Amino acid sequence: MTDNSKITQAFIEAWMAMDIDAILDFFTEDAVYINIPMDPPNRGKVEIRAFIEGFIGMASEMEFIIHNQVEGENGIVMNERTDRLHIDGKWVELPVMGVFEFTDGKISAWRDYFDMAQFTA
């Protein structure tokens, strides 16, 4: 496993621990986080924190299952995963494709692609 792939794996583990401070430590100060079907993009740690706090606040547990993960020669990591969220006593499963860009060992851009209709159903 390459360095950025290892960072991505540790980042996913911080999400499953629902540790907001640990999650934020993985980002550069000027990082951009975009859930593609949602607007606007979250720019910088302040906006990213606000989004993550709301997202984590709606779930009592989280599990991100990585099915496939690759790292390109340019260091970009892409993973195909199922995000499982325990909300109001039931598990919601969402197929996701994530793209992670890095600067100096930190995530500088993160884009998740998923079907919003499936999430809201």
PDB file of N, CA and C in Angstrom:
ATOM      1  N   MET A   1       0.849  -1.173   0.000  1.00  0.00           N
ATOM      2  CA  MET A   1       0.000   0.000   0.000  1.00  0.00           C
ATOM      3  C   MET A   1       0.899   1.243   0.000  1.00  0.00           C
ATOM      4  N   THR A   2       0.600   2.204  -0.852  1.00  0.00           N
ATOM      5  CA  THR A   2       1.401   3.412  -0.948  1.00  0.00           C
ATOM      6  C   THR A   2       1.026   4.410   0.155  1.00  0.00           C
ATOM      7  N   ASP A   3       1.831   5.458   0.292  1.00  0.00           N
ATOM      8  CA  ASP A   3       1.619   6.417   1.380  1.00  0.00           C
ATOM      9  C   ASP A   3       0.241   7.055   1.353  1.00  0.00           C
ATOM     10  N   ASN A   4      -0.181   7.578   0.194  1.00  0.00           N
ATOM     11  CA  ASN A   4      -1.485   8.238   0.148  1.00  0.00           C
ATOM     12  C   ASN A   4      -2.628   7.256   0.358  1.00  0.00           C
ATOM     13  N   SER A   5      -2.443   6.027  -0.061  1.00  0.00           N
ATOM     14  CA  SER A   5      -3.456   4.997   0.210  1.00  0.00           C
ATOM     15  C   SER A   5      -3.543   4.715   1.705  1.00  0.00           C
ATOM     16  N   LYS A   6      -2.399   4.699   2.376  1.00  0.00           N
ATOM     17  CA  LYS A   6      -2.385   4.493   3.829  1.00  0.00           C
ATOM     18  C   LYS A   6      -3.054   5.667   4.544  1.00  0.00           C
ATOM     19  N   ILE A   7      -2.778   6.874   4.078  1.00  0.00           N
ATOM     20  CA  ILE A   7      -3.414   8.060   4.671  1.00  0.00           C
ATOM     21  C   ILE A   7      -4.922   7.976   4.497  1.00  0.00           C
ATOM     22  N   THR A   8      -5.370   7.586   3.302  1.00  0.00           N
ATOM     23  CA  THR A   8      -6.803   7.463   3.033  1.00  0.00           C
ATOM     24  C   THR A   8      -7.436   6.426   3.950  1.00  0.00           C
ATOM     25  N   GLN A   9      -6.775   5.314   4.153  1.00  0.00           N
ATOM     26  CA  GLN A   9      -7.292   4.275   5.044  1.00  0.00           C
ATOM     27  C   GLN A   9      -7.411   4.791   6.470  1.00  0.00           C
ATOM     28  N   ALA A  10      -6.398   5.500   6.949  1.00  0.00           N
ATOM     29  CA  ALA A  10      -6.448   6.062   8.304  1.00  0.00           C
ATOM     30  C   ALA A  10      -7.548   7.122   8.413  1.00  0.00           C
ATOM     31  N   PHE A  11      -7.755   7.880   7.352  1.00  0.00           N
ATOM     32  CA  PHE A  11      -8.823   8.884   7.302  1.00  0.00           C
ATOM     33  C   PHE A  11     -10.188   8.214   7.444  1.00  0.00           C
ATOM     34  N   ILE A  12     -10.383   7.119   6.733  1.00  0.00           N
ATOM     35  CA  ILE A  12     -11.639   6.356   6.810  1.00  0.00           C
ATOM     36  C   ILE A  12     -11.841   5.837   8.232  1.00  0.00           C
ATOM     37  N   GLU A  13     -10.775   5.378   8.859  1.00  0.00           N
ATOM     38  CA  GLU A  13     -10.873   4.885  10.238  1.00  0.00           C
ATOM     39  C   GLU A  13     -11.277   6.002  11.197  1.00  0.00           C
ATOM     40  N   ALA A  14     -10.785   7.226  10.975  1.00  0.00           N
ATOM     41  CA  ALA A  14     -11.188   8.365  11.809  1.00  0.00           C
ATOM     42  C   ALA A  14     -12.675   8.648  11.635  1.00  0.00           C
ATOM     43  N   TRP A  15     -13.185   8.501  10.404  1.00  0.00           N
ATOM     44  CA  TRP A  15     -14.623   8.668  10.169  1.00  0.00           C
ATOM     45  C   TRP A  15     -15.418   7.626  10.948  1.00  0.00           C
ATOM     46  N   MET A  16     -14.973   6.373  10.892  1.00  0.00           N
ATOM     47  CA  MET A  16     -15.718   5.317  11.581  1.00  0.00           C
ATOM     48  C   MET A  16     -15.680   5.503  13.098  1.00  0.00           C
ATOM     49  N   ALA A  17     -14.628   6.151  13.606  1.00  0.00           N
ATOM     50  CA  ALA A  17     -14.555   6.479  15.032  1.00  0.00           C
ATOM     51  C   ALA A  17     -15.370   7.732  15.346  1.00  0.00           C
ATOM     52  N   MET A  18     -15.841   8.414  14.298  1.00  0.00           N
ATOM     53  CA  MET A  18     -16.634   9.641  14.420  1.00  0.00           C
ATOM     54  C   MET A  18     -15.877  10.707  15.215  1.00  0.00           C
ATOM     55  N   ASP A  19     -14.562  10.787  14.974  1.00  0.00           N
ATOM     56  CA  ASP A  19     -13.664  11.710  15.675  1.00  0.00           C
ATOM     57  C   ASP A  19     -13.424  12.926  14.772  1.00  0.00           C
ATOM     58  N   ILE A  20     -14.192  13.972  14.975  1.00  0.00           N
ATOM     59  CA  ILE A  20     -14.148  15.140  14.085  1.00  0.00           C
ATOM     60  C   ILE A  20     -12.770  15.794  14.078  1.00  0.00           C
ATOM     61  N   ASP A  21     -12.138  15.945  15.231  1.00  0.00           N
ATOM     62  CA  ASP A  21     -10.808  16.565  15.269  1.00  0.00           C
ATOM     63  C   ASP A  21      -9.792  15.728  14.496  1.00  0.00           C
ATOM     64  N   ALA A  22      -9.850  14.409  14.649  1.00  0.00           N
ATOM     65  CA  ALA A  22      -8.934  13.531  13.917  1.00  0.00           C
ATOM     66  C   ALA A  22      -9.195  13.624  12.413  1.00  0.00           C
ATOM     67  N   ILE A  23     -10.459  13.671  12.019  1.00  0.00           N
ATOM     68  CA  ILE A  23     -10.807  13.801  10.599  1.00  0.00           C
ATOM     69  C   ILE A  23     -10.203  15.086  10.045  1.00  0.00           C
ATOM     70  N   LEU A  24     -10.386  16.187  10.753  1.00  0.00           N
ATOM     71  CA  LEU A  24      -9.901  17.482  10.270  1.00  0.00           C
ATOM     72  C   LEU A  24      -8.388  17.543  10.177  1.00  0.00           C
ATOM     73  N   ASP A  25      -7.683  16.793  11.025  1.00  0.00           N
ATOM     74  CA  ASP A  25      -6.221  16.770  10.976  1.00  0.00           C
ATOM     75  C   ASP A  25      -5.693  16.233   9.652  1.00  0.00           C
ATOM     76  N   PHE A  26      -6.498  15.521   8.907  1.00  0.00           N
ATOM     77  CA  PHE A  26      -6.063  14.966   7.622  1.00  0.00           C
ATOM     78  C   PHE A  26      -6.092  15.994   6.491  1.00  0.00           C
ATOM     79  N   PHE A  27      -6.752  17.144   6.705  1.00  0.00           N
ATOM     80  CA  PHE A  27      -6.922  18.138   5.647  1.00  0.00           C
ATOM     81  C   PHE A  27      -5.873  19.244   5.712  1.00  0.00           C
ATOM     82  N   THR A  28      -5.535  19.786   4.534  1.00  0.00           N
ATOM     83  CA  THR A  28      -4.776  21.037   4.481  1.00  0.00           C
ATOM     84  C   THR A  28      -5.709  22.163   4.932  1.00  0.00           C
ATOM     85  N   GLU A  29      -5.160  23.302   5.303  1.00  0.00           N
ATOM     86  CA  GLU A  29      -5.982  24.429   5.767  1.00  0.00           C
ATOM     87  C   GLU A  29      -6.946  24.911   4.686  1.00  0.00           C
ATOM     88  N   ASP A  30      -6.538  24.835   3.422  1.00  0.00           N
ATOM     89  CA  ASP A  30      -7.357  25.348   2.314  1.00  0.00           C
ATOM     90  C   ASP A  30      -8.037  24.234   1.513  1.00  0.00           C
ATOM     91  N   ALA A  31      -8.208  23.095   2.129  1.00  0.00           N
ATOM     92  CA  ALA A  31      -8.798  21.940   1.426  1.00  0.00           C
ATOM     93  C   ALA A  31     -10.210  22.252   0.938  1.00  0.00           C
ATOM     94  N   VAL A  32     -10.626  21.479  -0.074  1.00  0.00           N
ATOM     95  CA  VAL A  32     -11.977  21.568  -0.612  1.00  0.00           C
ATOM     96  C   VAL A  32     -12.603  20.179  -0.525  1.00  0.00           C
ATOM     97  N   TYR A  33     -13.802  20.121   0.056  1.00  0.00           N
ATOM     98  CA  TYR A  33     -14.545  18.860   0.194  1.00  0.00           C
ATOM     99  C   TYR A  33     -15.885  19.056  -0.493  1.00  0.00           C
ATOM    100  N   ILE A  34     -16.160  18.186  -1.466  1.00  0.00           N
ATOM    101  CA  ILE A  34     -17.390  18.308  -2.247  1.00  0.00           C
ATOM    102  C   ILE A  34     -18.114  16.967  -2.275  1.00  0.00           C
ATOM    103  N   ASN A  35     -19.356  16.975  -1.830  1.00  0.00           N
ATOM    104  CA  ASN A  35     -20.264  15.866  -2.108  1.00  0.00           C
ATOM    105  C   ASN A  35     -20.953  16.279  -3.402  1.00  0.00           C
ATOM    106  N   ILE A  36     -20.605  15.642  -4.499  1.00  0.00           N
ATOM    107  CA  ILE A  36     -20.969  16.115  -5.827  1.00  0.00           C
ATOM    108  C   ILE A  36     -22.462  16.434  -5.993  1.00  0.00           C
ATOM    109  N   PRO A  37     -23.394  15.653  -5.458  1.00  0.00           N
ATOM    110  CA  PRO A  37     -24.789  16.060  -5.681  1.00  0.00           C
ATOM    111  C   PRO A  37     -25.261  17.200  -4.781  1.00  0.00           C
ATOM    112  N   MET A  38     -24.381  17.713  -3.916  1.00  0.00           N
ATOM    113  CA  MET A  38     -24.781  18.753  -2.969  1.00  0.00           C
ATOM    114  C   MET A  38     -23.967  20.024  -3.232  1.00  0.00           C
ATOM    115  N   ASP A  39     -24.597  21.159  -3.053  1.00  0.00           N
ATOM    116  CA  ASP A  39     -23.922  22.446  -3.181  1.00  0.00           C
ATOM    117  C   ASP A  39     -24.052  23.197  -1.874  1.00  0.00           C
ATOM    118  N   PRO A  40     -23.182  24.104  -1.555  1.00  0.00           N
ATOM    119  CA  PRO A  40     -21.950  24.432  -2.266  1.00  0.00           C
ATOM    120  C   PRO A  40     -20.799  23.555  -1.787  1.00  0.00           C
ATOM    121  N   PRO A  41     -19.636  23.632  -2.463  1.00  0.00           N
ATOM    122  CA  PRO A  41     -18.449  22.947  -1.958  1.00  0.00           C
ATOM    123  C   PRO A  41     -18.060  23.512  -0.591  1.00  0.00           C
ATOM    124  N   ASN A  42     -17.450  22.701   0.226  1.00  0.00           N
ATOM    125  CA  ASN A  42     -16.955  23.131   1.537  1.00  0.00           C
ATOM    126  C   ASN A  42     -15.482  23.498   1.365  1.00  0.00           C
ATOM    127  N   ARG A  43     -15.160  24.758   1.608  1.00  0.00           N
ATOM    128  CA  ARG A  43     -13.799  25.261   1.379  1.00  0.00           C
ATOM    129  C   ARG A  43     -13.164  25.658   2.704  1.00  0.00           C
ATOM    130  N   GLY A  44     -12.012  25.062   2.996  1.00  0.00           N
ATOM    131  CA  GLY A  44     -11.296  25.362   4.230  1.00  0.00           C
ATOM    132  C   GLY A  44     -11.839  24.571   5.402  1.00  0.00           C
ATOM    133  N   LYS A  45     -11.032  24.485   6.444  1.00  0.00           N
ATOM    134  CA  LYS A  45     -11.377  23.638   7.586  1.00  0.00           C
ATOM    135  C   LYS A  45     -12.620  24.089   8.334  1.00  0.00           C
ATOM    136  N   VAL A  46     -12.899  25.379   8.366  1.00  0.00           N
ATOM    137  CA  VAL A  46     -14.076  25.862   9.093  1.00  0.00           C
ATOM    138  C   VAL A  46     -15.346  25.323   8.426  1.00  0.00           C
ATOM    139  N   GLU A  47     -15.450  25.469   7.106  1.00  0.00           N
ATOM    140  CA  GLU A  47     -16.630  24.963   6.394  1.00  0.00           C
ATOM    141  C   GLU A  47     -16.685  23.441   6.423  1.00  0.00           C
ATOM    142  N   ILE A  48     -15.533  22.795   6.275  1.00  0.00           N
ATOM    143  CA  ILE A  48     -15.501  21.333   6.305  1.00  0.00           C
ATOM    144  C   ILE A  48     -15.962  20.830   7.676  1.00  0.00           C
ATOM    145  N   ARG A  49     -15.480  21.468   8.749  1.00  0.00           N
ATOM    146  CA  ARG A  49     -15.901  21.071  10.098  1.00  0.00           C
ATOM    147  C   ARG A  49     -17.412  21.193  10.252  1.00  0.00           C
ATOM    148  N   ALA A  50     -17.977  22.295   9.818  1.00  0.00           N
ATOM    149  CA  ALA A  50     -19.424  22.502   9.960  1.00  0.00           C
ATOM    150  C   ALA A  50     -20.205  21.413   9.234  1.00  0.00           C
ATOM    151  N   PHE A  51     -19.767  21.058   8.034  1.00  0.00           N
ATOM    152  CA  PHE A  51     -20.462  20.008   7.296  1.00  0.00           C
ATOM    153  C   PHE A  51     -20.324  18.665   8.003  1.00  0.00           C
ATOM    154  N   ILE A  52     -19.114  18.343   8.417  1.00  0.00           N
ATOM    155  CA  ILE A  52     -18.864  17.049   9.065  1.00  0.00           C
ATOM    156  C   ILE A  52     -19.638  16.939  10.381  1.00  0.00           C
ATOM    157  N   GLU A  53     -19.682  18.006  11.150  1.00  0.00           N
ATOM    158  CA  GLU A  53     -20.433  17.985  12.410  1.00  0.00           C
ATOM    159  C   GLU A  53     -21.903  17.669  12.158  1.00  0.00           C
ATOM    160  N   GLY A  54     -22.482  18.272  11.130  1.00  0.00           N
ATOM    161  CA  GLY A  54     -23.879  17.993  10.789  1.00  0.00           C
ATOM    162  C   GLY A  54     -24.074  16.571  10.316  1.00  0.00           C
ATOM    163  N   PHE A  55     -23.147  16.088   9.505  1.00  0.00           N
ATOM    164  CA  PHE A  55     -23.245  14.736   8.958  1.00  0.00           C
ATOM    165  C   PHE A  55     -23.116  13.697  10.063  1.00  0.00           C
ATOM    166  N   ILE A  56     -22.095  13.848  10.893  1.00  0.00           N
ATOM    167  CA  ILE A  56     -21.879  12.894  11.983  1.00  0.00           C
ATOM    168  C   ILE A  56     -23.005  13.003  13.016  1.00  0.00           C
ATOM    169  N   GLY A  57     -23.542  14.208  13.193  1.00  0.00           N
ATOM    170  CA  GLY A  57     -24.591  14.415  14.170  1.00  0.00           C
ATOM    171  C   GLY A  57     -25.873  13.651  13.889  1.00  0.00           C
ATOM    172  N   MET A  58     -26.096  13.267  12.646  1.00  0.00           N
ATOM    173  CA  MET A  58     -27.336  12.552  12.323  1.00  0.00           C
ATOM    174  C   MET A  58     -27.203  11.039  12.471  1.00  0.00           C
ATOM    175  N   ALA A  59     -25.997  10.531  12.691  1.00  0.00           N
ATOM    176  CA  ALA A  59     -25.778   9.084  12.760  1.00  0.00           C
ATOM    177  C   ALA A  59     -25.236   8.684  14.134  1.00  0.00           C
ATOM    178  N   SER A  60     -25.660   7.535  14.603  1.00  0.00           N
ATOM    179  CA  SER A  60     -25.125   7.029  15.869  1.00  0.00           C
ATOM    180  C   SER A  60     -23.900   6.145  15.639  1.00  0.00           C
ATOM    181  N   GLU A  61     -23.770   5.599  14.428  1.00  0.00           N
ATOM    182  CA  GLU A  61     -22.614   4.787  14.045  1.00  0.00           C
ATOM    183  C   GLU A  61     -22.365   4.979  12.554  1.00  0.00           C
ATOM    184  N   MET A  62     -21.116   4.732  12.143  1.00  0.00           N
ATOM    185  CA  MET A  62     -20.748   4.792  10.725  1.00  0.00           C
ATOM    186  C   MET A  62     -19.793   3.668  10.405  1.00  0.00           C
ATOM    187  N   GLU A  63     -19.918   3.183   9.199  1.00  0.00           N
ATOM    188  CA  GLU A  63     -18.993   2.174   8.690  1.00  0.00           C
ATOM    189  C   GLU A  63     -18.766   2.466   7.215  1.00  0.00           C
ATOM    190  N   PHE A  64     -17.516   2.607   6.816  1.00  0.00           N
ATOM    191  CA  PHE A  64     -17.180   2.800   5.412  1.00  0.00           C
ATOM    192  C   PHE A  64     -16.463   1.526   4.953  1.00  0.00           C
ATOM    193  N   ILE A  65     -17.070   0.813   4.039  1.00  0.00           N
ATOM    194  CA  ILE A  65     -16.505  -0.439   3.543  1.00  0.00           C
ATOM    195  C   ILE A  65     -15.852  -0.152   2.193  1.00  0.00           C
ATOM    196  N   ILE A  66     -14.536  -0.261   2.130  1.00  0.00           N
ATOM    197  CA  ILE A  66     -13.810  -0.024   0.877  1.00  0.00           C
ATOM    198  C   ILE A  66     -13.785  -1.329   0.091  1.00  0.00           C
ATOM    199  N   HIS A  67     -14.336  -1.277  -1.113  1.00  0.00           N
ATOM    200  CA  HIS A  67     -14.353  -2.452  -1.984  1.00  0.00           C
ATOM    201  C   HIS A  67     -13.115  -2.484  -2.879  1.00  0.00           C
ATOM    202  N   ASN A  68     -12.760  -1.327  -3.420  1.00  0.00           N
ATOM    203  CA  ASN A  68     -11.587  -1.208  -4.288  1.00  0.00           C
ATOM    204  C   ASN A  68     -10.949   0.148  -4.040  1.00  0.00           C
ATOM    205  N   GLN A  69      -9.616   0.165  -4.053  1.00  0.00           N
ATOM    206  CA  GLN A  69      -8.908   1.428  -3.891  1.00  0.00           C
ATOM    207  C   GLN A  69      -7.662   1.399  -4.751  1.00  0.00           C
ATOM    208  N   VAL A  70      -7.426   2.485  -5.481  1.00  0.00           N
ATOM    209  CA  VAL A  70      -6.249   2.593  -6.337  1.00  0.00           C
ATOM    210  C   VAL A  70      -5.601   3.953  -6.122  1.00  0.00           C
ATOM    211  N   GLU A  71      -4.294   3.982  -6.356  1.00  0.00           N
ATOM    212  CA  GLU A  71      -3.564   5.239  -6.314  1.00  0.00           C
ATOM    213  C   GLU A  71      -2.832   5.411  -7.627  1.00  0.00           C
ATOM    214  N   GLY A  72      -3.063   6.559  -8.261  1.00  0.00           N
ATOM    215  CA  GLY A  72      -2.413   6.853  -9.532  1.00  0.00           C
ATOM    216  C   GLY A  72      -0.988   7.323  -9.340  1.00  0.00           C
ATOM    217  N   GLU A  73      -0.257   7.407 -10.433  1.00  0.00           N
ATOM    218  CA  GLU A  73       1.129   7.859 -10.396  1.00  0.00           C
ATOM    219  C   GLU A  73       1.248   9.272  -9.825  1.00  0.00           C
ATOM    220  N   ASN A  74       0.186  10.062  -9.966  1.00  0.00           N
ATOM    221  CA  ASN A  74       0.186  11.440  -9.459  1.00  0.00           C
ATOM    222  C   ASN A  74      -0.184  11.519  -7.976  1.00  0.00           C
ATOM    223  N   GLY A  75      -0.431  10.378  -7.336  1.00  0.00           N
ATOM    224  CA  GLY A  75      -0.742  10.344  -5.914  1.00  0.00           C
ATOM    225  C   GLY A  75      -2.211  10.465  -5.583  1.00  0.00           C
ATOM    226  N   ILE A  76      -3.066  10.661  -6.594  1.00  0.00           N
ATOM    227  CA  ILE A  76      -4.499  10.721  -6.339  1.00  0.00           C
ATOM    228  C   ILE A  76      -4.992   9.323  -5.982  1.00  0.00           C
ATOM    229  N   VAL A  77      -5.811   9.250  -4.930  1.00  0.00           N
ATOM    230  CA  VAL A  77      -6.391   7.987  -4.488  1.00  0.00           C
ATOM    231  C   VAL A  77      -7.877   8.001  -4.831  1.00  0.00           C
ATOM    232  N   MET A  78      -8.360   6.899  -5.384  1.00  0.00           N
ATOM    233  CA  MET A  78      -9.784   6.737  -5.650  1.00  0.00           C
ATOM    234  C   MET A  78     -10.243   5.452  -4.986  1.00  0.00           C
ATOM    235  N   ASN A  79     -11.403   5.533  -4.331  1.00  0.00           N
ATOM    236  CA  ASN A  79     -11.928   4.298  -3.765  1.00  0.00           C
ATOM    237  C   ASN A  79     -13.421   4.170  -4.047  1.00  0.00           C
ATOM    238  N   GLU A  80     -13.800   2.926  -4.237  1.00  0.00           N
ATOM    239  CA  GLU A  80     -15.201   2.535  -4.383  1.00  0.00           C
ATOM    240  C   GLU A  80     -15.580   1.925  -3.047  1.00  0.00           C
ATOM    241  N   ARG A  81     -16.648   2.459  -2.459  1.00  0.00           N
ATOM    242  CA  ARG A  81     -16.975   1.981  -1.119  1.00  0.00           C
ATOM    243  C   ARG A  81     -18.481   2.034  -0.890  1.00  0.00           C
ATOM    244  N   THR A  82     -18.888   1.413   0.203  1.00  0.00           N
ATOM    245  CA  THR A  82     -20.251   1.528   0.695  1.00  0.00           C
ATOM    246  C   THR A  82     -20.168   2.224   2.037  1.00  0.00           C
ATOM    247  N   ASP A  83     -20.822   3.377   2.132  1.00  0.00           N
ATOM    248  CA  ASP A  83     -20.899   4.085   3.402  1.00  0.00           C
ATOM    249  C   ASP A  83     -22.182   3.646   4.096  1.00  0.00           C
ATOM    250  N   ARG A  84     -22.044   3.152   5.313  1.00  0.00           N
ATOM    251  CA  ARG A  84     -23.193   2.696   6.102  1.00  0.00           C
ATOM    252  C   ARG A  84     -23.364   3.638   7.278  1.00  0.00           C
ATOM    253  N   LEU A  85     -24.561   4.184   7.414  1.00  0.00           N
ATOM    254  CA  LEU A  85     -24.867   5.120   8.489  1.00  0.00           C
ATOM    255  C   LEU A  85     -26.027   4.579   9.308  1.00  0.00           C
ATOM    256  N   HIS A  86     -25.874   4.541  10.615  1.00  0.00           N
ATOM    257  CA  HIS A  86     -26.945   4.090  11.494  1.00  0.00           C
ATOM    258  C   HIS A  86     -27.727   5.333  11.920  1.00  0.00           C
ATOM    259  N   ILE A  87     -28.922   5.496  11.338  1.00  0.00           N
ATOM    260  CA  ILE A  87     -29.743   6.688  11.548  1.00  0.00           C
ATOM    261  C   ILE A  87     -31.121   6.252  12.024  1.00  0.00           C
ATOM    262  N   ASP A  88     -31.548   6.807  13.141  1.00  0.00           N
ATOM    263  CA  ASP A  88     -32.886   6.514  13.689  1.00  0.00           C
ATOM    264  C   ASP A  88     -33.164   5.013  13.795  1.00  0.00           C
ATOM    265  N   GLY A  89     -32.178   4.279  14.275  1.00  0.00           N
ATOM    266  CA  GLY A  89     -32.368   2.861  14.541  1.00  0.00           C
ATOM    267  C   GLY A  89     -32.250   1.934  13.347  1.00  0.00           C
ATOM    268  N   LYS A  90     -31.899   2.466  12.181  1.00  0.00           N
ATOM    269  CA  LYS A  90     -31.726   1.579  11.026  1.00  0.00           C
ATOM    270  C   LYS A  90     -30.481   1.977  10.242  1.00  0.00           C
ATOM    271  N   TRP A  91     -29.942   1.014   9.504  1.00  0.00           N
ATOM    272  CA  TRP A  91     -28.749   1.243   8.698  1.00  0.00           C
ATOM    273  C   TRP A  91     -29.148   1.731   7.308  1.00  0.00           C
ATOM    274  N   VAL A  92     -28.508   2.805   6.881  1.00  0.00           N
ATOM    275  CA  VAL A  92     -28.661   3.330   5.529  1.00  0.00           C
ATOM    276  C   VAL A  92     -27.357   3.036   4.804  1.00  0.00           C
ATOM    277  N   GLU A  93     -27.447   2.389   3.633  1.00  0.00           N
ATOM    278  CA  GLU A  93     -26.253   2.049   2.862  1.00  0.00           C
ATOM    279  C   GLU A  93     -26.222   2.872   1.584  1.00  0.00           C
ATOM    280  N   LEU A  94     -25.052   3.430   1.286  1.00  0.00           N
ATOM    281  CA  LEU A  94     -24.910   4.307   0.143  1.00  0.00           C
ATOM    282  C   LEU A  94     -23.645   3.950  -0.633  1.00  0.00           C
ATOM    283  N   PRO A  95     -23.785   3.506  -1.891  1.00  0.00           N
ATOM    284  CA  PRO A  95     -22.598   3.281  -2.726  1.00  0.00           C
ATOM    285  C   PRO A  95     -21.958   4.638  -3.050  1.00  0.00           C
ATOM    286  N   VAL A  96     -20.636   4.718  -2.893  1.00  0.00           N
ATOM    287  CA  VAL A  96     -19.916   5.976  -3.066  1.00  0.00           C
ATOM    288  C   VAL A  96     -18.628   5.729  -3.848  1.00  0.00           C
ATOM    289  N   MET A  97     -18.263   6.707  -4.670  1.00  0.00           N
ATOM    290  CA  MET A  97     -16.953   6.742  -5.316  1.00  0.00           C
ATOM    291  C   MET A  97     -16.244   7.977  -4.798  1.00  0.00           C
ATOM    292  N   GLY A  98     -15.095   7.808  -4.158  1.00  0.00           N
ATOM    293  CA  GLY A  98     -14.359   8.925  -3.580  1.00  0.00           C
ATOM    294  C   GLY A  98     -13.057   9.185  -4.307  1.00  0.00           C
ATOM    295  N   VAL A  99     -12.708  10.461  -4.440  1.00  0.00           N
ATOM    296  CA  VAL A  99     -11.457  10.883  -5.065  1.00  0.00           C
ATOM    297  C   VAL A  99     -10.736  11.796  -4.075  1.00  0.00           C
ATOM    298  N   PHE A 100      -9.480  11.492  -3.790  1.00  0.00           N
ATOM    299  CA  PHE A 100      -8.696  12.222  -2.798  1.00  0.00           C
ATOM    300  C   PHE A 100      -7.413  12.740  -3.444  1.00  0.00           C
ATOM    301  N   GLU A 101      -7.190  14.048  -3.330  1.00  0.00           N
ATOM    302  CA  GLU A 101      -5.952  14.666  -3.798  1.00  0.00           C
ATOM    303  C   GLU A 101      -5.140  15.096  -2.582  1.00  0.00           C
ATOM    304  N   PHE A 102      -3.829  15.068  -2.704  1.00  0.00           N
ATOM    305  CA  PHE A 102      -2.946  15.305  -1.565  1.00  0.00           C
ATOM    306  C   PHE A 102      -1.913  16.387  -1.845  1.00  0.00           C
ATOM    307  N   THR A 103      -1.562  17.118  -0.787  1.00  0.00           N
ATOM    308  CA  THR A 103      -0.458  18.070  -0.800  1.00  0.00           C
ATOM    309  C   THR A 103       0.324  17.858   0.487  1.00  0.00           C
ATOM    310  N   ASP A 104       1.581  17.500   0.345  1.00  0.00           N
ATOM    311  CA  ASP A 104       2.460  17.307   1.512  1.00  0.00           C
ATOM    312  C   ASP A 104       1.861  16.372   2.561  1.00  0.00           C
ATOM    313  N   GLY A 105       1.277  15.266   2.116  1.00  0.00           N
ATOM    314  CA  GLY A 105       0.760  14.246   3.028  1.00  0.00           C
ATOM    315  C   GLY A 105      -0.592  14.556   3.650  1.00  0.00           C
ATOM    316  N   LYS A 106      -1.249  15.606   3.181  1.00  0.00           N
ATOM    317  CA  LYS A 106      -2.581  15.972   3.697  1.00  0.00           C
ATOM    318  C   LYS A 106      -3.564  16.002   2.526  1.00  0.00           C
ATOM    319  N   ILE A 107      -4.838  15.800   2.829  1.00  0.00           N
ATOM    320  CA  ILE A 107      -5.878  15.849   1.808  1.00  0.00           C
ATOM    321  C   ILE A 107      -6.143  17.310   1.456  1.00  0.00           C
ATOM    322  N   SER A 108      -5.947  17.650   0.187  1.00  0.00           N
ATOM    323  CA  SER A 108      -6.187  19.017  -0.277  1.00  0.00           C
ATOM    324  C   SER A 108      -7.504  19.128  -1.044  1.00  0.00           C
ATOM    325  N   ALA A 109      -8.003  18.014  -1.537  1.00  0.00           N
ATOM    326  CA  ALA A 109      -9.303  17.984  -2.212  1.00  0.00           C
ATOM    327  C   ALA A 109      -9.907  16.598  -2.045  1.00  0.00           C
ATOM    328  N   TRP A 110     -11.197  16.574  -1.756  1.00  0.00           N
ATOM    329  CA  TRP A 110     -11.932  15.310  -1.611  1.00  0.00           C
ATOM    330  C   TRP A 110     -13.276  15.485  -2.281  1.00  0.00           C
ATOM    331  N   ARG A 111     -13.566  14.589  -3.212  1.00  0.00           N
ATOM    332  CA  ARG A 111     -14.850  14.588  -3.900  1.00  0.00           C
ATOM    333  C   ARG A 111     -15.490  13.218  -3.739  1.00  0.00           C
ATOM    334  N   ASP A 112     -16.735  13.211  -3.301  1.00  0.00           N
ATOM    335  CA  ASP A 112     -17.513  11.972  -3.215  1.00  0.00           C
ATOM    336  C   ASP A 112     -18.653  12.053  -4.223  1.00  0.00           C
ATOM    337  N   TYR A 113     -18.818  10.983  -4.971  1.00  0.00           N
ATOM    338  CA  TYR A 113     -19.873  10.873  -5.972  1.00  0.00           C
ATOM    339  C   TYR A 113     -20.856   9.805  -5.509  1.00  0.00           C
ATOM    340  N   PHE A 114     -22.131  10.176  -5.421  1.00  0.00           N
ATOM    341  CA  PHE A 114     -23.163   9.222  -5.033  1.00  0.00           C
ATOM    342  C   PHE A 114     -24.506   9.726  -5.533  1.00  0.00           C
ATOM    343  N   ASP A 115     -25.503   8.870  -5.427  1.00  0.00           N
ATOM    344  CA  ASP A 115     -26.857   9.194  -5.868  1.00  0.00           C
ATOM    345  C   ASP A 115     -27.624   9.794  -4.696  1.00  0.00           C
ATOM    346  N   MET A 116     -27.901  11.087  -4.782  1.00  0.00           N
ATOM    347  CA  MET A 116     -28.595  11.782  -3.697  1.00  0.00           C
ATOM    348  C   MET A 116     -29.992  11.198  -3.457  1.00  0.00           C
ATOM    349  N   ALA A 117     -30.673  10.792  -4.514  1.00  0.00           N
ATOM    350  CA  ALA A 117     -32.025  10.226  -4.368  1.00  0.00           C
ATOM    351  C   ALA A 117     -31.971   8.955  -3.517  1.00  0.00           C
ATOM    352  N   GLN A 118     -30.944   8.167  -3.686  1.00  0.00           N
ATOM    353  CA  GLN A 118     -30.812   6.946  -2.897  1.00  0.00           C
ATOM    354  C   GLN A 118     -30.574   7.294  -1.421  1.00  0.00           C
ATOM    355  N   PHE A 119     -29.798   8.346  -1.170  1.00  0.00           N
ATOM    356  CA  PHE A 119     -29.517   8.758   0.202  1.00  0.00           C
ATOM    357  C   PHE A 119     -30.792   9.281   0.889  1.00  0.00           C
ATOM    358  N   THR A 120     -31.556  10.095   0.209  1.00  0.00           N
ATOM    359  CA  THR A 120     -32.736  10.695   0.829  1.00  0.00           C
ATOM    360  C   THR A 120     -33.905   9.721   0.954  1.00  0.00           C
ATOM    361  N   ALA A 121     -33.868   8.638   0.178  1.00  0.00           N
ATOM    362  CA  ALA A 121     -34.936   7.619   0.272  1.00  0.00           C
ATOM    363  C   ALA A 121     -34.784   6.896   1.589  1.00  0.00           C
TER     364      ALA A 121
END
